[in-house]
Amino acid sequence: NYQSEIDTQFGFSRIREDVATRMASRIKTNDITIADIV
């Protein structure tokens, strides 16, 4: 519900968010599992 309100207030586009996610899927990450660290 917070995310929905933020999207509306700031005019964020779900389409652009999906594009960003697809771009992120192509970015190399290291082999660290962050949950094990935190």
ModelCIF file with pLDDT and N, C-alpha, C, O atoms, coordinates in Angstrom:
data_MODEL
#
_entry.id   MODEL 
#
_entity.id                         1 
_entity.type                       polymer 
_entity.pdbx_number_of_molecules   1 
#
_entity_poly.entity_id                      1 
_entity_poly.type                           'polypeptide(L)' 
_entity_poly.nstd_linkage                   no 
_entity_poly.nstd_monomer                   no 
_entity_poly.pdbx_seq_one_letter_code       NYQSEIDTQFGFSRIREDVATRMASRIKTNDITIADIV 
_entity_poly.pdbx_seq_one_letter_code_can   NYQSEIDTQFGFSRIREDVATRMASRIKTNDITIADIV 
_entity_poly.pdbx_strand_id                 A 
#
loop_
_entity_poly_seq.entity_id 
_entity_poly_seq.num 
_entity_poly_seq.mon_id 
_entity_poly_seq.hetero 
1 1  ASN n 
1 2  TYR n 
1 3  GLN n 
1 4  SER n 
1 5  GLU n 
1 6  ILE n 
1 7  ASP n 
1 8  THR n 
1 9  GLN n 
1 10 PHE n 
1 11 GLY n 
1 12 PHE n 
1 13 SER n 
1 14 ARG n 
1 15 ILE n 
1 16 ARG n 
1 17 GLU n 
1 18 ASP n 
1 19 VAL n 
1 20 ALA n 
1 21 THR n 
1 22 ARG n 
1 23 MET n 
1 24 ALA n 
1 25 SER n 
1 26 ARG n 
1 27 ILE n 
1 28 LYS n 
1 29 THR n 
1 30 ASN n 
1 31 ASP n 
1 32 ILE n 
1 33 THR n 
1 34 ILE n 
1 35 ALA n 
1 36 ASP n 
1 37 ILE n 
1 38 VAL n 
#
_struct_asym.id          A 
_struct_asym.entity_id   1 
#
loop_
_ma_qa_metric.id 
_ma_qa_metric.mode 
_ma_qa_metric.name 
_ma_qa_metric.software_group_id 
_ma_qa_metric.type 
1 global pLDDT . pLDDT 
2 local  pLDDT . pLDDT 
#
_ma_qa_metric_global.metric_id      1 
_ma_qa_metric_global.metric_value   93.37 
_ma_qa_metric_global.model_id       1 
_ma_qa_metric_global.ordinal_id     1 
#
loop_
_ma_qa_metric_local.label_asym_id 
_ma_qa_metric_local.label_comp_id 
_ma_qa_metric_local.label_seq_id 
_ma_qa_metric_local.metric_id 
_ma_qa_metric_local.metric_value 
_ma_qa_metric_local.model_id 
_ma_qa_metric_local.ordinal_id 
A ASN 1  2 97.00 1 1  
A TYR 2  2 97.00 1 2  
A GLN 3  2 97.00 1 3  
A SER 4  2 97.00 1 4  
A GLU 5  2 97.00 1 5  
A ILE 6  2 97.00 1 6  
A ASP 7  2 96.00 1 7  
A THR 8  2 97.00 1 8  
A GLN 9  2 97.00 1 9  
A PHE 10 2 95.00 1 10 
A GLY 11 2 94.00 1 11 
A PHE 12 2 94.00 1 12 
A SER 13 2 94.00 1 13 
A ARG 14 2 94.00 1 14 
A ILE 15 2 94.00 1 15 
A ARG 16 2 93.00 1 16 
A GLU 17 2 94.00 1 17 
A ASP 18 2 94.00 1 18 
A VAL 19 2 93.00 1 19 
A ALA 20 2 93.00 1 20 
A THR 21 2 93.00 1 21 
A ARG 22 2 92.00 1 22 
A MET 23 2 90.00 1 23 
A ALA 24 2 91.00 1 24 
A SER 25 2 90.00 1 25 
A ARG 26 2 90.00 1 26 
A ILE 27 2 92.00 1 27 
A LYS 28 2 89.00 1 28 
A THR 29 2 92.00 1 29 
A ASN 30 2 88.00 1 30 
A ASP 31 2 81.00 1 31 
A ILE 32 2 86.00 1 32 
A THR 33 2 92.00 1 33 
A ILE 34 2 95.00 1 34 
A ALA 35 2 95.00 1 35 
A ASP 36 2 95.00 1 36 
A ILE 37 2 96.00 1 37 
A VAL 38 2 97.00 1 38 
#
loop_
_atom_site.group_PDB 
_atom_site.id 
_atom_site.type_symbol 
_atom_site.label_atom_id 
_atom_site.label_alt_id 
_atom_site.label_comp_id 
_atom_site.label_asym_id 
_atom_site.label_entity_id 
_atom_site.label_seq_id 
_atom_site.pdbx_PDB_ins_code 
_atom_site.Cartn_x 
_atom_site.Cartn_y 
_atom_site.Cartn_z 
_atom_site.occupancy 
_atom_site.B_iso_or_equiv 
_atom_site.pdbx_formal_charge 
_atom_site.auth_seq_id 
_atom_site.auth_comp_id 
_atom_site.auth_asym_id 
_atom_site.auth_atom_id 
_atom_site.pdbx_PDB_model_num 
ATOM 1   N N  . ASN A 1 1  ? 0.835  -1.205  0.000   1.00 97.00 ? 1  ASN A N  1 
ATOM 2   C CA . ASN A 1 1  ? 0.000  0.000   0.000   1.00 97.00 ? 1  ASN A CA 1 
ATOM 3   C C  . ASN A 1 1  ? 0.869  1.254   0.000   1.00 97.00 ? 1  ASN A C  1 
ATOM 4   O O  . ASN A 1 1  ? 0.552  2.234   -0.674  1.00 97.00 ? 1  ASN A O  1 
ATOM 5   N N  . TYR A 1 2  ? 1.969  1.222   0.758   1.00 97.00 ? 2  TYR A N  1 
ATOM 6   C CA . TYR A 1 2  ? 2.914  2.340   0.749   1.00 97.00 ? 2  TYR A CA 1 
ATOM 7   C C  . TYR A 1 2  ? 3.487  2.534   -0.658  1.00 97.00 ? 2  TYR A C  1 
ATOM 8   O O  . TYR A 1 2  ? 3.548  3.655   -1.163  1.00 97.00 ? 2  TYR A O  1 
ATOM 9   N N  . GLN A 1 3  ? 3.903  1.433   -1.280  1.00 97.00 ? 3  GLN A N  1 
ATOM 10  C CA . GLN A 1 3  ? 4.503  1.526   -2.609  1.00 97.00 ? 3  GLN A CA 1 
ATOM 11  C C  . GLN A 1 3  ? 3.516  2.125   -3.607  1.00 97.00 ? 3  GLN A C  1 
ATOM 12  O O  . GLN A 1 3  ? 3.898  2.941   -4.446  1.00 97.00 ? 3  GLN A O  1 
ATOM 13  N N  . SER A 1 4  ? 2.268  1.730   -3.521  1.00 97.00 ? 4  SER A N  1 
ATOM 14  C CA . SER A 1 4  ? 1.252  2.260   -4.419  1.00 97.00 ? 4  SER A CA 1 
ATOM 15  C C  . SER A 1 4  ? 1.074  3.766   -4.230  1.00 97.00 ? 4  SER A C  1 
ATOM 16  O O  . SER A 1 4  ? 0.944  4.507   -5.204  1.00 97.00 ? 4  SER A O  1 
ATOM 17  N N  . GLU A 1 5  ? 1.069  4.212   -2.978  1.00 97.00 ? 5  GLU A N  1 
ATOM 18  C CA . GLU A 1 5  ? 0.944  5.647   -2.699  1.00 97.00 ? 5  GLU A CA 1 
ATOM 19  C C  . GLU A 1 5  ? 2.163  6.417   -3.214  1.00 97.00 ? 5  GLU A C  1 
ATOM 20  O O  . GLU A 1 5  ? 2.020  7.507   -3.767  1.00 97.00 ? 5  GLU A O  1 
ATOM 21  N N  . ILE A 1 6  ? 3.346  5.858   -3.036  1.00 97.00 ? 6  ILE A N  1 
ATOM 22  C CA . ILE A 1 6  ? 4.581  6.496   -3.520  1.00 97.00 ? 6  ILE A CA 1 
ATOM 23  C C  . ILE A 1 6  ? 4.560  6.607   -5.037  1.00 97.00 ? 6  ILE A C  1 
ATOM 24  O O  . ILE A 1 6  ? 4.900  7.653   -5.589  1.00 97.00 ? 6  ILE A O  1 
ATOM 25  N N  . ASP A 1 7  ? 4.163  5.537   -5.711  1.00 96.00 ? 7  ASP A N  1 
ATOM 26  C CA . ASP A 1 7  ? 4.090  5.561   -7.178  1.00 96.00 ? 7  ASP A CA 1 
ATOM 27  C C  . ASP A 1 7  ? 3.170  6.681   -7.656  1.00 96.00 ? 7  ASP A C  1 
ATOM 28  O O  . ASP A 1 7  ? 3.492  7.402   -8.601  1.00 96.00 ? 7  ASP A O  1 
ATOM 29  N N  . THR A 1 8  ? 2.021  6.817   -6.992  1.00 97.00 ? 8  THR A N  1 
ATOM 30  C CA . THR A 1 8  ? 1.055  7.842   -7.386  1.00 97.00 ? 8  THR A CA 1 
ATOM 31  C C  . THR A 1 8  ? 1.582  9.242   -7.113  1.00 97.00 ? 8  THR A C  1 
ATOM 32  O O  . THR A 1 8  ? 1.480  10.121  -7.968  1.00 97.00 ? 8  THR A O  1 
ATOM 33  N N  . GLN A 1 9  ? 2.146  9.455   -5.929  1.00 97.00 ? 9  GLN A N  1 
ATOM 34  C CA . GLN A 1 9  ? 2.621  10.784  -5.552  1.00 97.00 ? 9  GLN A CA 1 
ATOM 35  C C  . GLN A 1 9  ? 3.754  11.270  -6.444  1.00 97.00 ? 9  GLN A C  1 
ATOM 36  O O  . GLN A 1 9  ? 3.805  12.447  -6.803  1.00 97.00 ? 9  GLN A O  1 
ATOM 37  N N  . PHE A 1 10 ? 4.669  10.361  -6.804  1.00 95.00 ? 10 PHE A N  1 
ATOM 38  C CA . PHE A 1 10 ? 5.856  10.756  -7.555  1.00 95.00 ? 10 PHE A CA 1 
ATOM 39  C C  . PHE A 1 10 ? 5.750  10.441  -9.048  1.00 95.00 ? 10 PHE A C  1 
ATOM 40  O O  . PHE A 1 10 ? 6.679  10.717  -9.808  1.00 95.00 ? 10 PHE A O  1 
ATOM 41  N N  . GLY A 1 11 ? 4.635  9.871   -9.465  1.00 94.00 ? 11 GLY A N  1 
ATOM 42  C CA . GLY A 1 11 ? 4.433  9.594   -10.882 1.00 94.00 ? 11 GLY A CA 1 
ATOM 43  C C  . GLY A 1 11 ? 5.332  8.513   -11.438 1.00 94.00 ? 11 GLY A C  1 
ATOM 44  O O  . GLY A 1 11 ? 5.716  8.567   -12.606 1.00 94.00 ? 11 GLY A O  1 
ATOM 45  N N  . PHE A 1 12 ? 5.680  7.518   -10.610 1.00 94.00 ? 12 PHE A N  1 
ATOM 46  C CA . PHE A 1 12 ? 6.552  6.449   -11.072 1.00 94.00 ? 12 PHE A CA 1 
ATOM 47  C C  . PHE A 1 12 ? 5.795  5.502   -12.007 1.00 94.00 ? 12 PHE A C  1 
ATOM 48  O O  . PHE A 1 12 ? 4.614  5.221   -11.806 1.00 94.00 ? 12 PHE A O  1 
ATOM 49  N N  . SER A 1 13 ? 6.487  5.027   -13.014 1.00 94.00 ? 13 SER A N  1 
ATOM 50  C CA . SER A 1 13 ? 5.904  4.154   -14.031 1.00 94.00 ? 13 SER A CA 1 
ATOM 51  C C  . SER A 1 13 ? 6.269  2.701   -13.780 1.00 94.00 ? 13 SER A C  1 
ATOM 52  O O  . SER A 1 13 ? 7.447  2.370   -13.649 1.00 94.00 ? 13 SER A O  1 
ATOM 53  N N  . ARG A 1 14 ? 5.275  1.837   -13.713 1.00 94.00 ? 14 ARG A N  1 
ATOM 54  C CA . ARG A 1 14 ? 5.557  0.404   -13.545 1.00 94.00 ? 14 ARG A CA 1 
ATOM 55  C C  . ARG A 1 14 ? 6.304  -0.143  -14.758 1.00 94.00 ? 14 ARG A C  1 
ATOM 56  O O  . ARG A 1 14 ? 7.113  -1.063  -14.635 1.00 94.00 ? 14 ARG A O  1 
ATOM 57  N N  . ILE A 1 15 ? 6.028  0.428   -15.923 1.00 94.00 ? 15 ILE A N  1 
ATOM 58  C CA . ILE A 1 15 ? 6.729  -0.035  -17.131 1.00 94.00 ? 15 ILE A CA 1 
ATOM 59  C C  . ILE A 1 15 ? 8.228  0.235   -17.000 1.00 94.00 ? 15 ILE A C  1 
ATOM 60  O O  . ILE A 1 15 ? 9.042  -0.638  -17.299 1.00 94.00 ? 15 ILE A O  1 
ATOM 61  N N  . ARG A 1 16 ? 8.594  1.428   -16.560 1.00 93.00 ? 16 ARG A N  1 
ATOM 62  C CA . ARG A 1 16 ? 10.013 1.738   -16.391 1.00 93.00 ? 16 ARG A CA 1 
ATOM 63  C C  . ARG A 1 16 ? 10.642 0.893   -15.286 1.00 93.00 ? 16 ARG A C  1 
ATOM 64  O O  . ARG A 1 16 ? 11.807 0.511   -15.384 1.00 93.00 ? 16 ARG A O  1 
ATOM 65  N N  . GLU A 1 17 ? 9.876  0.602   -14.237 1.00 94.00 ? 17 GLU A N  1 
ATOM 66  C CA . GLU A 1 17 ? 10.394 -0.276  -13.183 1.00 94.00 ? 17 GLU A CA 1 
ATOM 67  C C  . GLU A 1 17 ? 10.693 -1.664  -13.748 1.00 94.00 ? 17 GLU A C  1 
ATOM 68  O O  . GLU A 1 17 ? 11.705 -2.274  -13.403 1.00 94.00 ? 17 GLU A O  1 
ATOM 69  N N  . ASP A 1 18 ? 9.824  -2.151  -14.602 1.00 94.00 ? 18 ASP A N  1 
ATOM 70  C CA . ASP A 1 18 ? 10.049 -3.471  -15.214 1.00 94.00 ? 18 ASP A CA 1 
ATOM 71  C C  . ASP A 1 18 ? 11.264 -3.446  -16.134 1.00 94.00 ? 18 ASP A C  1 
ATOM 72  O O  . ASP A 1 18 ? 12.022 -4.414  -16.189 1.00 94.00 ? 18 ASP A O  1 
ATOM 73  N N  . VAL A 1 19 ? 11.453 -2.343  -16.856 1.00 93.00 ? 19 VAL A N  1 
ATOM 74  C CA . VAL A 1 19 ? 12.639 -2.207  -17.705 1.00 93.00 ? 19 VAL A CA 1 
ATOM 75  C C  . VAL A 1 19 ? 13.902 -2.239  -16.848 1.00 93.00 ? 19 VAL A C  1 
ATOM 76  O O  . VAL A 1 19 ? 14.886 -2.886  -17.206 1.00 93.00 ? 19 VAL A O  1 
ATOM 77  N N  . ALA A 1 20 ? 13.870 -1.538  -15.716 1.00 93.00 ? 20 ALA A N  1 
ATOM 78  C CA . ALA A 1 20 ? 15.031 -1.509  -14.809 1.00 93.00 ? 20 ALA A CA 1 
ATOM 79  C C  . ALA A 1 20 ? 15.326 -2.902  -14.276 1.00 93.00 ? 20 ALA A C  1 
ATOM 80  O O  . ALA A 1 20 ? 16.489 -3.286  -14.153 1.00 93.00 ? 20 ALA A O  1 
ATOM 81  N N  . THR A 1 21 ? 14.289 -3.656  -13.960 1.00 93.00 ? 21 THR A N  1 
ATOM 82  C CA . THR A 1 21 ? 14.489 -5.016  -13.453 1.00 93.00 ? 21 THR A CA 1 
ATOM 83  C C  . THR A 1 21 ? 15.122 -5.896  -14.520 1.00 93.00 ? 21 THR A C  1 
ATOM 84  O O  . THR A 1 21 ? 16.018 -6.686  -14.221 1.00 93.00 ? 21 THR A O  1 
ATOM 85  N N  . ARG A 1 22 ? 14.666 -5.767  -15.761 1.00 92.00 ? 22 ARG A N  1 
ATOM 86  C CA . ARG A 1 22 ? 15.255 -6.568  -16.843 1.00 92.00 ? 22 ARG A CA 1 
ATOM 87  C C  . ARG A 1 22 ? 16.716 -6.180  -17.067 1.00 92.00 ? 22 ARG A C  1 
ATOM 88  O O  . ARG A 1 22 ? 17.561 -7.040  -17.315 1.00 92.00 ? 22 ARG A O  1 
ATOM 89  N N  . MET A 1 23 ? 17.006 -4.884  -16.977 1.00 90.00 ? 23 MET A N  1 
ATOM 90  C CA . MET A 1 23 ? 18.399 -4.449  -17.112 1.00 90.00 ? 23 MET A CA 1 
ATOM 91  C C  . MET A 1 23 ? 19.243 -5.020  -15.977 1.00 90.00 ? 23 MET A C  1 
ATOM 92  O O  . MET A 1 23 ? 20.361 -5.484  -16.201 1.00 90.00 ? 23 MET A O  1 
ATOM 93  N N  . ALA A 1 24 ? 18.708 -4.986  -14.764 1.00 91.00 ? 24 ALA A N  1 
ATOM 94  C CA . ALA A 1 24 ? 19.440 -5.514  -13.616 1.00 91.00 ? 24 ALA A CA 1 
ATOM 95  C C  . ALA A 1 24 ? 19.746 -6.998  -13.782 1.00 91.00 ? 24 ALA A C  1 
ATOM 96  O O  . ALA A 1 24 ? 20.771 -7.481  -13.302 1.00 91.00 ? 24 ALA A O  1 
ATOM 97  N N  . SER A 1 25 ? 18.864 -7.715  -14.455 1.00 90.00 ? 25 SER A N  1 
ATOM 98  C CA . SER A 1 25 ? 19.072 -9.159  -14.639 1.00 90.00 ? 25 SER A CA 1 
ATOM 99  C C  . SER A 1 25 ? 20.299 -9.458  -15.487 1.00 90.00 ? 25 SER A C  1 
ATOM 100 O O  . SER A 1 25 ? 20.805 -10.580 -15.480 1.00 90.00 ? 25 SER A O  1 
ATOM 101 N N  . ARG A 1 26 ? 20.783 -8.448  -16.222 1.00 90.00 ? 26 ARG A N  1 
ATOM 102 C CA . ARG A 1 26 ? 21.951 -8.654  -17.078 1.00 90.00 ? 26 ARG A CA 1 
ATOM 103 C C  . ARG A 1 26 ? 23.247 -8.163  -16.441 1.00 90.00 ? 26 ARG A C  1 
ATOM 104 O O  . ARG A 1 26 ? 24.320 -8.287  -17.032 1.00 90.00 ? 26 ARG A O  1 
ATOM 105 N N  . ILE A 1 27 ? 23.146 -7.608  -15.239 1.00 92.00 ? 27 ILE A N  1 
ATOM 106 C CA . ILE A 1 27 ? 24.333 -7.082  -14.563 1.00 92.00 ? 27 ILE A CA 1 
ATOM 107 C C  . ILE A 1 27 ? 24.986 -8.173  -13.725 1.00 92.00 ? 27 ILE A C  1 
ATOM 108 O O  . ILE A 1 27 ? 24.312 -8.883  -12.978 1.00 92.00 ? 27 ILE A O  1 
ATOM 109 N N  . LYS A 1 28 ? 26.274 -8.297  -13.853 1.00 89.00 ? 28 LYS A N  1 
ATOM 110 C CA . LYS A 1 28 ? 27.020 -9.310  -13.109 1.00 89.00 ? 28 LYS A CA 1 
ATOM 111 C C  . LYS A 1 28 ? 27.077 -8.949  -11.632 1.00 89.00 ? 28 LYS A C  1 
ATOM 112 O O  . LYS A 1 28 ? 27.347 -7.802  -11.274 1.00 89.00 ? 28 LYS A O  1 
ATOM 113 N N  . THR A 1 29 ? 26.822 -9.929  -10.782 1.00 92.00 ? 29 THR A N  1 
ATOM 114 C CA . THR A 1 29 ? 27.010 -9.769  -9.339  1.00 92.00 ? 29 THR A CA 1 
ATOM 115 C C  . THR A 1 29 ? 28.074 -10.754 -8.872  1.00 92.00 ? 29 THR A C  1 
ATOM 116 O O  . THR A 1 29 ? 28.401 -11.708 -9.577  1.00 92.00 ? 29 THR A O  1 
ATOM 117 N N  . ASN A 1 30 ? 28.619 -10.512 -7.661  1.00 88.00 ? 30 ASN A N  1 
ATOM 118 C CA . ASN A 1 30 ? 29.588 -11.475 -7.142  1.00 88.00 ? 30 ASN A CA 1 
ATOM 119 C C  . ASN A 1 30 ? 28.860 -12.653 -6.497  1.00 88.00 ? 30 ASN A C  1 
ATOM 120 O O  . ASN A 1 30 ? 27.630 -12.708 -6.519  1.00 88.00 ? 30 ASN A O  1 
ATOM 121 N N  . ASP A 1 31 ? 29.587 -13.563 -5.941  1.00 81.00 ? 31 ASP A N  1 
ATOM 122 C CA . ASP A 1 31 ? 29.002 -14.811 -5.447  1.00 81.00 ? 31 ASP A CA 1 
ATOM 123 C C  . ASP A 1 31 ? 28.598 -14.745 -3.978  1.00 81.00 ? 31 ASP A C  1 
ATOM 124 O O  . ASP A 1 31 ? 28.352 -15.778 -3.355  1.00 81.00 ? 31 ASP A O  1 
ATOM 125 N N  . ILE A 1 32 ? 28.531 -13.558 -3.430  1.00 86.00 ? 32 ILE A N  1 
ATOM 126 C CA . ILE A 1 32 ? 28.176 -13.402 -2.019  1.00 86.00 ? 32 ILE A CA 1 
ATOM 127 C C  . ILE A 1 32 ? 26.678 -13.570 -1.823  1.00 86.00 ? 32 ILE A C  1 
ATOM 128 O O  . ILE A 1 32 ? 25.886 -13.035 -2.599  1.00 86.00 ? 32 ILE A O  1 
ATOM 129 N N  . THR A 1 33 ? 26.282 -14.314 -0.786  1.00 92.00 ? 33 THR A N  1 
ATOM 130 C CA . THR A 1 33 ? 24.882 -14.382 -0.390  1.00 92.00 ? 33 THR A CA 1 
ATOM 131 C C  . THR A 1 33 ? 24.675 -13.386 0.733   1.00 92.00 ? 33 THR A C  1 
ATOM 132 O O  . THR A 1 33 ? 25.127 -13.601 1.858   1.00 92.00 ? 33 THR A O  1 
ATOM 133 N N  . ILE A 1 34 ? 23.988 -12.292 0.424   1.00 95.00 ? 34 ILE A N  1 
ATOM 134 C CA . ILE A 1 34 ? 23.911 -11.186 1.387   1.00 95.00 ? 34 ILE A CA 1 
ATOM 135 C C  . ILE A 1 34 ? 23.167 -11.580 2.654   1.00 95.00 ? 34 ILE A C  1 
ATOM 136 O O  . ILE A 1 34 ? 23.444 -11.040 3.725   1.00 95.00 ? 34 ILE A O  1 
ATOM 137 N N  . ALA A 1 35 ? 22.226 -12.514 2.548   1.00 95.00 ? 35 ALA A N  1 
ATOM 138 C CA . ALA A 1 35 ? 21.489 -12.958 3.736   1.00 95.00 ? 35 ALA A CA 1 
ATOM 139 C C  . ALA A 1 35 ? 22.422 -13.603 4.750   1.00 95.00 ? 35 ALA A C  1 
ATOM 140 O O  . ALA A 1 35 ? 22.217 -13.465 5.956   1.00 95.00 ? 35 ALA A O  1 
ATOM 141 N N  . ASP A 1 36 ? 23.444 -14.308 4.274   1.00 95.00 ? 36 ASP A N  1 
ATOM 142 C CA . ASP A 1 36 ? 24.396 -14.951 5.183   1.00 95.00 ? 36 ASP A CA 1 
ATOM 143 C C  . ASP A 1 36 ? 25.245 -13.922 5.925   1.00 95.00 ? 36 ASP A C  1 
ATOM 144 O O  . ASP A 1 36 ? 25.723 -14.187 7.028   1.00 95.00 ? 36 ASP A O  1 
ATOM 145 N N  . ILE A 1 37 ? 25.431 -12.768 5.332   1.00 96.00 ? 37 ILE A N  1 
ATOM 146 C CA . ILE A 1 37 ? 26.232 -11.721 5.957   1.00 96.00 ? 37 ILE A CA 1 
ATOM 147 C C  . ILE A 1 37 ? 25.412 -10.936 6.973   1.00 96.00 ? 37 ILE A C  1 
ATOM 148 O O  . ILE A 1 37 ? 25.895 -10.629 8.063   1.00 96.00 ? 37 ILE A O  1 
ATOM 149 N N  . VAL A 1 38 ? 24.171 -10.612 6.617   1.00 97.00 ? 38 VAL A N  1 
ATOM 150 C CA . VAL A 1 38 ? 23.347 -9.735  7.452   1.00 97.00 ? 38 VAL A CA 1 
ATOM 151 C C  . VAL A 1 38 ? 22.704 -10.478 8.616   1.00 97.00 ? 38 VAL A C  1 
ATOM 152 O O  . VAL A 1 38 ? 21.981 -9.875  9.409   1.00 97.00 ? 38 VAL A O  1 
#
